[in-house]
Amino acid sequence: MIIDLGQVVVQMVVMLLIVSAGYAARRFQWLEPAADAVFSQTVVRLTAPCLVFYGILVSRDKLFTGNLPLIALAVGAAVLLAGVMAFFVFRIGQIRSDHRSVLQVATMFGNVSFLGIPLCYGLFGADGLLYASLYAASQDLLFWSVGVAMMGGSGTAGNWKKMFNPSFIGILLAILLAAWRVPVPEFVLKTTSTIGAATLPLSLMVVGAGFCGAKAEWVILRKLLPAAGMKLVVVPMAMTALLFLLPMDPVARCVLALEMSMPSAASTVALARTMGRDTGFAAQAVLMTTTLSAVSVPLMVLALNRFAI
């Protein structure tokens, strides 16, 4: 299948403008600082769970066609590949141990919920939302287990509970309803769809607001370049090549490739703070990869179209 590059560029521009709006709102104090936390909690606890719940049930017929285990397998392979590469690359050079763990997590896990789901939903509709939600759920399991273990530090056991966040519960509930073929009233689907529609603007504004305190320092940015290259180019391209070997829905294949191309997960900053790592360094990693993704994601689309994935 061919992805419309113009549509991708438009979607990316829209997303960046909303991110900019969030940054401006925080920078010029149009909203109270506490609004960041309110928006974030609203997305995590309400709008995103509704969105993924709706996305799975509206495409329930495609849920058990073989794509589900393949998506989980692909997510695991992408995280493993990124982890192995990061382990060896960041052993080279003078990199502090706490920075090394941040770079590893930033390379392994992408912002597949706040950025990936809105992008795939905008490009592929309900099918894109379904596959992107399943990808995000699979990554969440790995992030709050493997990611926490890699970041290290105290309080690790308590963070395992975050695997069972509202979005994951919404995905699990929707899968069970779909598997048992439980009829869901139309008003429930419309309600969750309407509430879930707020996820795109709110989540992107949260990302923009989070960049307000991040300072770009060249000395640090140089350390981040290898991580950005692996996260945005090397791992996505290598995994996309492997996707050709998997028999799956072309839309699912495109969604996987795009999700793997997402910048570092915003949750990396929160995890670094919890584990006592350098929060500013983690924020710059997220900022840098997010900025560069405005170029790398359209290039990934060109590559997908070139090889007719």
Protein backbone atom coordinates (compact mmCIF):
# COMPACT_ATOMS: atom_id res chain seq x y z
CA MET A 1 0.00 0.00 0.00
CA ILE A 2 1.07 3.60 -0.61
CA ILE A 3 0.97 6.18 2.17
CA ASP A 4 0.11 9.71 1.07
CA LEU A 5 3.23 11.71 1.98
CA GLY A 6 1.31 14.97 1.76
CA GLN A 7 -1.16 13.67 4.32
CA VAL A 8 1.70 12.66 6.60
CA VAL A 9 3.32 16.08 6.32
CA VAL A 10 0.00 17.80 7.04
CA GLN A 11 -0.57 15.53 10.04
CA MET A 12 2.96 16.21 11.33
CA VAL A 13 2.53 19.97 10.88
CA VAL A 14 -0.78 19.88 12.75
CA MET A 15 0.81 17.91 15.56
CA LEU A 16 3.81 20.25 15.79
CA LEU A 17 1.51 23.28 15.88
CA ILE A 18 -0.45 21.78 18.75
CA VAL A 19 2.84 20.98 20.52
CA SER A 20 3.86 24.60 19.96
CA ALA A 21 0.56 25.77 21.42
CA GLY A 22 1.25 23.75 24.55
CA TYR A 23 4.75 25.20 24.78
CA ALA A 24 3.45 28.75 24.32
CA ALA A 25 0.71 28.27 26.90
CA ARG A 26 3.32 27.17 29.43
CA ARG A 27 6.00 29.67 28.36
CA PHE A 28 3.78 32.75 28.48
CA GLN A 29 1.81 31.52 31.48
CA TRP A 30 -1.52 31.57 29.67
CA LEU A 31 -2.32 28.55 31.79
CA GLU A 32 -1.37 27.90 35.38
CA PRO A 33 1.65 25.58 35.85
CA ALA A 34 -0.65 23.09 37.54
CA ALA A 35 -2.58 22.77 34.26
CA ASP A 36 0.22 20.58 32.85
CA ALA A 37 -0.43 17.95 35.47
CA VAL A 38 -4.20 18.24 35.05
CA PHE A 39 -4.00 17.76 31.27
CA SER A 40 -1.60 14.86 31.64
CA GLN A 41 -3.78 13.11 34.21
CA THR A 42 -6.87 13.72 32.07
CA VAL A 43 -5.20 12.07 29.08
CA VAL A 44 -3.74 9.13 31.01
CA ARG A 45 -6.76 8.42 33.19
CA LEU A 46 -9.70 9.33 30.95
CA THR A 47 -9.37 10.32 27.29
CA ALA A 48 -6.67 7.82 26.20
CA PRO A 49 -8.41 4.82 27.82
CA CYS A 50 -11.65 5.81 26.08
CA LEU A 51 -9.84 6.21 22.77
CA VAL A 52 -8.14 2.81 22.83
CA PHE A 53 -11.31 1.12 24.15
CA TYR A 54 -13.27 2.53 21.22
CA GLY A 55 -10.49 1.82 18.73
CA ILE A 56 -10.37 -1.89 19.54
CA LEU A 57 -14.12 -2.48 19.67
CA VAL A 58 -14.87 -0.58 16.47
CA SER A 59 -12.39 -2.85 14.65
CA ARG A 60 -13.06 -6.02 16.63
CA ASP A 61 -13.40 -8.13 13.46
CA LYS A 62 -9.70 -7.54 12.67
CA LEU A 63 -8.46 -8.13 16.20
CA PHE A 64 -8.03 -11.90 16.05
CA THR A 65 -6.78 -12.29 12.50
CA GLY A 66 -3.23 -13.17 13.51
CA ASN A 67 -1.98 -9.61 13.77
CA LEU A 68 -2.12 -9.46 17.58
CA PRO A 69 0.69 -11.96 18.32
CA LEU A 70 2.74 -10.59 15.42
CA ILE A 71 2.47 -7.06 16.80
CA ALA A 72 3.61 -8.22 20.24
CA LEU A 73 6.48 -10.11 18.63
CA ALA A 74 7.51 -7.08 16.59
CA VAL A 75 7.45 -4.77 19.62
CA GLY A 76 9.59 -7.19 21.61
CA ALA A 77 12.06 -7.55 18.74
CA ALA A 78 12.33 -3.76 18.29
CA VAL A 79 12.96 -3.16 21.99
CA LEU A 80 15.48 -6.01 22.14
CA LEU A 81 17.36 -4.77 19.06
CA ALA A 82 17.50 -1.21 20.38
CA GLY A 83 18.59 -2.43 23.80
CA VAL A 84 21.45 -4.55 22.44
CA MET A 85 22.67 -1.74 20.18
CA ALA A 86 22.46 0.82 22.98
CA PHE A 87 24.31 -1.48 25.38
CA PHE A 88 27.36 -1.68 23.12
CA VAL A 89 27.31 1.83 21.64
CA PHE A 90 27.03 3.62 24.97
CA ARG A 91 29.87 1.60 26.44
CA ILE A 92 32.15 3.53 24.09
CA GLY A 93 33.32 6.96 25.18
CA GLN A 94 33.11 8.80 28.45
CA ILE A 95 29.44 8.60 29.37
CA ARG A 96 28.31 8.75 32.96
CA SER A 97 26.58 5.62 34.22
CA ASP A 98 23.33 7.47 34.99
CA HIS A 99 23.38 9.08 31.53
CA ARG A 100 24.06 5.67 29.98
CA SER A 101 20.91 4.16 31.49
CA VAL A 102 18.84 7.17 30.37
CA LEU A 103 20.19 6.84 26.81
CA GLN A 104 19.40 3.13 26.75
CA VAL A 105 15.79 3.64 27.81
CA ALA A 106 15.40 6.63 25.47
CA THR A 107 16.62 4.47 22.57
CA MET A 108 14.47 1.46 23.38
CA PHE A 109 11.08 3.08 23.97
CA GLY A 110 9.18 5.54 21.79
CA ASN A 111 6.44 8.07 22.35
CA VAL A 112 3.93 5.69 20.80
CA SER A 113 0.94 6.87 22.84
CA PHE A 114 1.10 10.68 22.85
CA LEU A 115 2.47 10.95 19.29
CA GLY A 116 2.16 7.56 17.59
CA ILE A 117 -1.51 6.88 18.28
CA PRO A 118 -2.73 10.32 17.08
CA LEU A 119 -0.57 10.06 13.94
CA CYS A 120 -1.71 6.53 13.03
CA TYR A 121 -5.33 7.38 13.84
CA GLY A 122 -5.15 10.42 11.59
CA LEU A 123 -3.60 8.45 8.72
CA PHE A 124 -5.42 5.10 8.88
CA GLY A 125 -8.58 5.75 10.88
CA ALA A 126 -10.02 3.01 13.10
CA ASP A 127 -7.62 0.32 11.85
CA GLY A 128 -4.64 2.54 12.57
CA LEU A 129 -5.99 3.26 16.03
CA LEU A 130 -6.46 -0.47 16.71
CA TYR A 131 -2.94 -1.49 15.76
CA ALA A 132 -1.31 1.55 17.37
CA SER A 133 -3.17 0.87 20.62
CA LEU A 134 -2.01 -2.75 20.66
CA TYR A 135 1.54 -1.59 19.98
CA ALA A 136 1.34 0.91 22.84
CA ALA A 137 -0.01 -1.71 25.24
CA SER A 138 2.79 -4.12 24.37
CA GLN A 139 5.42 -1.43 24.83
CA ASP A 140 3.93 -0.30 28.16
CA LEU A 141 4.40 -3.80 29.54
CA LEU A 142 8.07 -3.72 28.55
CA PHE A 143 8.66 -0.12 29.62
CA TRP A 144 7.39 -0.59 33.17
CA SER A 145 9.29 -3.86 33.57
CA VAL A 146 12.44 -3.98 31.43
CA GLY A 147 12.75 -0.19 31.24
CA VAL A 148 12.44 0.21 34.99
CA ALA A 149 15.01 -2.51 35.58
CA MET A 150 17.45 -0.91 33.16
CA MET A 151 17.08 2.55 34.66
CA GLY A 152 17.69 0.97 38.08
CA GLY A 153 17.54 2.74 41.39
CA SER A 154 15.22 2.57 44.36
CA GLY A 155 11.50 2.16 44.09
CA THR A 156 11.66 -0.24 41.17
CA ALA A 157 9.05 -2.62 42.53
CA GLY A 158 6.47 0.11 42.97
CA ASN A 159 6.69 1.12 39.32
CA TRP A 160 5.68 -2.34 38.11
CA LYS A 161 2.15 -1.41 39.13
CA LYS A 162 2.15 1.25 36.40
CA MET A 163 1.87 -1.53 33.82
CA PHE A 164 -1.77 -1.71 34.88
CA ASN A 165 -2.60 1.87 33.96
CA PRO A 166 -6.08 2.94 32.78
CA SER A 167 -5.13 2.66 29.10
CA PHE A 168 -3.89 -0.91 29.54
CA ILE A 169 -7.04 -1.78 31.49
CA GLY A 170 -9.16 -0.23 28.71
CA ILE A 171 -7.33 -2.30 26.10
CA LEU A 172 -7.67 -5.49 28.14
CA LEU A 173 -11.38 -4.90 28.76
CA ALA A 174 -12.02 -4.19 25.07
CA ILE A 175 -10.13 -7.34 24.00
CA LEU A 176 -12.13 -9.47 26.43
CA LEU A 177 -15.43 -7.98 25.22
CA ALA A 178 -14.38 -8.58 21.63
CA ALA A 179 -13.20 -12.14 22.33
CA TRP A 180 -16.42 -13.05 24.11
CA ARG A 181 -18.46 -11.22 21.43
CA VAL A 182 -20.29 -9.19 24.06
CA PRO A 183 -22.55 -6.63 22.34
CA VAL A 184 -21.61 -3.06 23.27
CA PRO A 185 -24.38 -0.44 23.03
CA GLU A 186 -23.92 2.23 20.37
CA PHE A 187 -24.19 5.03 22.92
CA VAL A 188 -21.19 3.56 24.80
CA LEU A 189 -19.10 3.55 21.62
CA LYS A 190 -20.13 7.11 20.75
CA THR A 191 -19.42 8.32 24.27
CA THR A 192 -15.94 6.78 24.36
CA SER A 193 -15.26 8.04 20.84
CA THR A 194 -16.23 11.61 21.74
CA ILE A 195 -14.20 11.65 24.95
CA GLY A 196 -11.28 9.93 23.25
CA ALA A 197 -11.18 12.58 20.52
CA ALA A 198 -9.77 14.99 23.12
CA THR A 199 -6.65 12.82 23.43
CA LEU A 200 -4.92 14.31 20.38
CA PRO A 201 -4.90 18.01 21.38
CA LEU A 202 -4.44 17.41 25.10
CA SER A 203 -1.60 14.90 24.76
CA LEU A 204 0.33 17.02 22.27
CA MET A 205 -0.09 20.12 24.41
CA VAL A 206 1.31 18.17 27.36
CA VAL A 207 4.36 17.26 25.25
CA GLY A 208 4.84 20.92 24.28
CA ALA A 209 4.46 22.14 27.85
CA GLY A 210 7.06 19.62 28.98
CA PHE A 211 9.63 21.16 26.64
CA CYS A 212 9.37 24.56 28.30
CA GLY A 213 11.99 23.84 30.94
CA ALA A 214 14.36 21.89 28.70
CA LYS A 215 17.54 23.74 27.73
CA ALA A 216 19.48 22.73 24.64
CA GLU A 217 23.21 22.51 25.40
CA TRP A 218 25.57 21.51 22.59
CA VAL A 219 27.84 19.44 24.84
CA ILE A 220 24.86 17.34 25.88
CA LEU A 221 23.30 17.27 22.42
CA ARG A 222 26.48 15.69 21.03
CA LYS A 223 26.05 12.81 23.47
CA LEU A 224 22.46 12.42 22.35
CA LEU A 225 23.14 12.23 18.61
CA PRO A 226 23.98 8.48 18.59
CA ALA A 227 20.83 7.73 20.58
CA ALA A 228 18.73 9.87 18.22
CA GLY A 229 20.25 8.15 15.18
CA MET A 230 19.49 4.70 16.54
CA LYS A 231 15.99 5.62 17.76
CA LEU A 232 14.83 7.44 14.64
CA VAL A 233 16.74 5.78 11.80
CA VAL A 234 18.72 2.60 12.46
CA VAL A 235 16.25 0.58 14.55
CA PRO A 236 13.12 1.57 12.54
CA MET A 237 14.81 0.78 9.22
CA ALA A 238 16.17 -2.56 10.44
CA MET A 239 12.83 -3.59 11.94
CA THR A 240 10.90 -2.45 8.86
CA ALA A 241 13.06 -4.76 6.75
CA LEU A 242 12.16 -7.62 9.10
CA LEU A 243 8.45 -6.77 8.81
CA PHE A 244 8.57 -7.95 5.20
CA LEU A 245 9.06 -11.46 6.57
CA LEU A 246 5.82 -11.36 8.60
CA PRO A 247 2.46 -12.16 6.96
CA MET A 248 0.26 -9.37 8.22
CA ASP A 249 -2.23 -6.71 7.22
CA PRO A 250 -0.44 -3.97 5.21
CA VAL A 251 -2.02 -1.33 7.46
CA ALA A 252 -0.66 -3.13 10.53
CA ARG A 253 2.77 -3.26 8.91
CA CYS A 254 2.73 0.47 8.19
CA VAL A 255 1.54 1.27 11.71
CA LEU A 256 4.34 -0.83 13.20
CA ALA A 257 6.93 0.92 11.05
CA LEU A 258 5.64 4.36 12.02
CA GLU A 259 5.36 3.51 15.72
CA MET A 260 8.95 2.28 15.68
CA SER A 261 9.93 5.63 14.17
CA MET A 262 8.51 7.66 17.03
CA PRO A 263 10.85 9.80 19.19
CA SER A 264 11.86 8.83 22.72
CA ALA A 265 9.02 8.21 25.16
CA ALA A 266 8.04 11.20 27.27
CA SER A 267 7.72 8.76 30.18
CA THR A 268 11.53 8.53 30.15
CA VAL A 269 11.64 11.88 31.97
CA ALA A 270 9.22 10.76 34.68
CA LEU A 271 11.08 7.48 35.11
CA ALA A 272 14.44 9.29 35.35
CA ARG A 273 12.99 11.52 38.06
CA THR A 274 11.64 8.54 39.98
CA MET A 275 14.91 6.63 39.75
CA GLY A 276 17.08 9.59 40.76
CA ARG A 277 18.70 9.98 37.35
CA ASP A 278 19.51 13.22 35.49
CA THR A 279 16.02 14.50 34.65
CA GLY A 280 17.33 17.41 32.56
CA PHE A 281 19.38 15.03 30.44
CA ALA A 282 16.35 12.82 29.88
CA ALA A 283 14.23 15.85 28.92
CA GLN A 284 16.81 16.91 26.34
CA ALA A 285 16.82 13.41 24.87
CA VAL A 286 13.05 13.57 24.42
CA LEU A 287 13.23 17.13 23.07
CA MET A 288 15.95 16.33 20.55
CA THR A 289 14.39 13.16 19.17
CA THR A 290 10.96 14.79 19.00
CA THR A 291 12.34 17.74 17.04
CA LEU A 292 14.28 15.52 14.62
CA SER A 293 11.26 13.26 14.12
CA ALA A 294 9.63 16.05 12.11
CA VAL A 295 12.18 15.14 9.40
CA SER A 296 12.77 11.45 10.07
CA VAL A 297 9.10 10.36 10.04
CA PRO A 298 8.37 11.76 6.52
CA LEU A 299 11.63 10.14 5.35
CA MET A 300 10.41 6.83 6.79
CA VAL A 301 7.18 7.25 4.81
CA LEU A 302 9.22 7.82 1.64
CA ALA A 303 11.13 4.62 2.37
CA LEU A 304 7.91 2.69 2.99
CA ASN A 305 6.46 3.91 -0.30
CA ARG A 306 9.69 3.21 -2.16
CA PHE A 307 9.75 -0.42 -1.11
CA ALA A 308 5.96 -0.83 -1.38
CA ILE A 309 5.50 -2.19 2.09
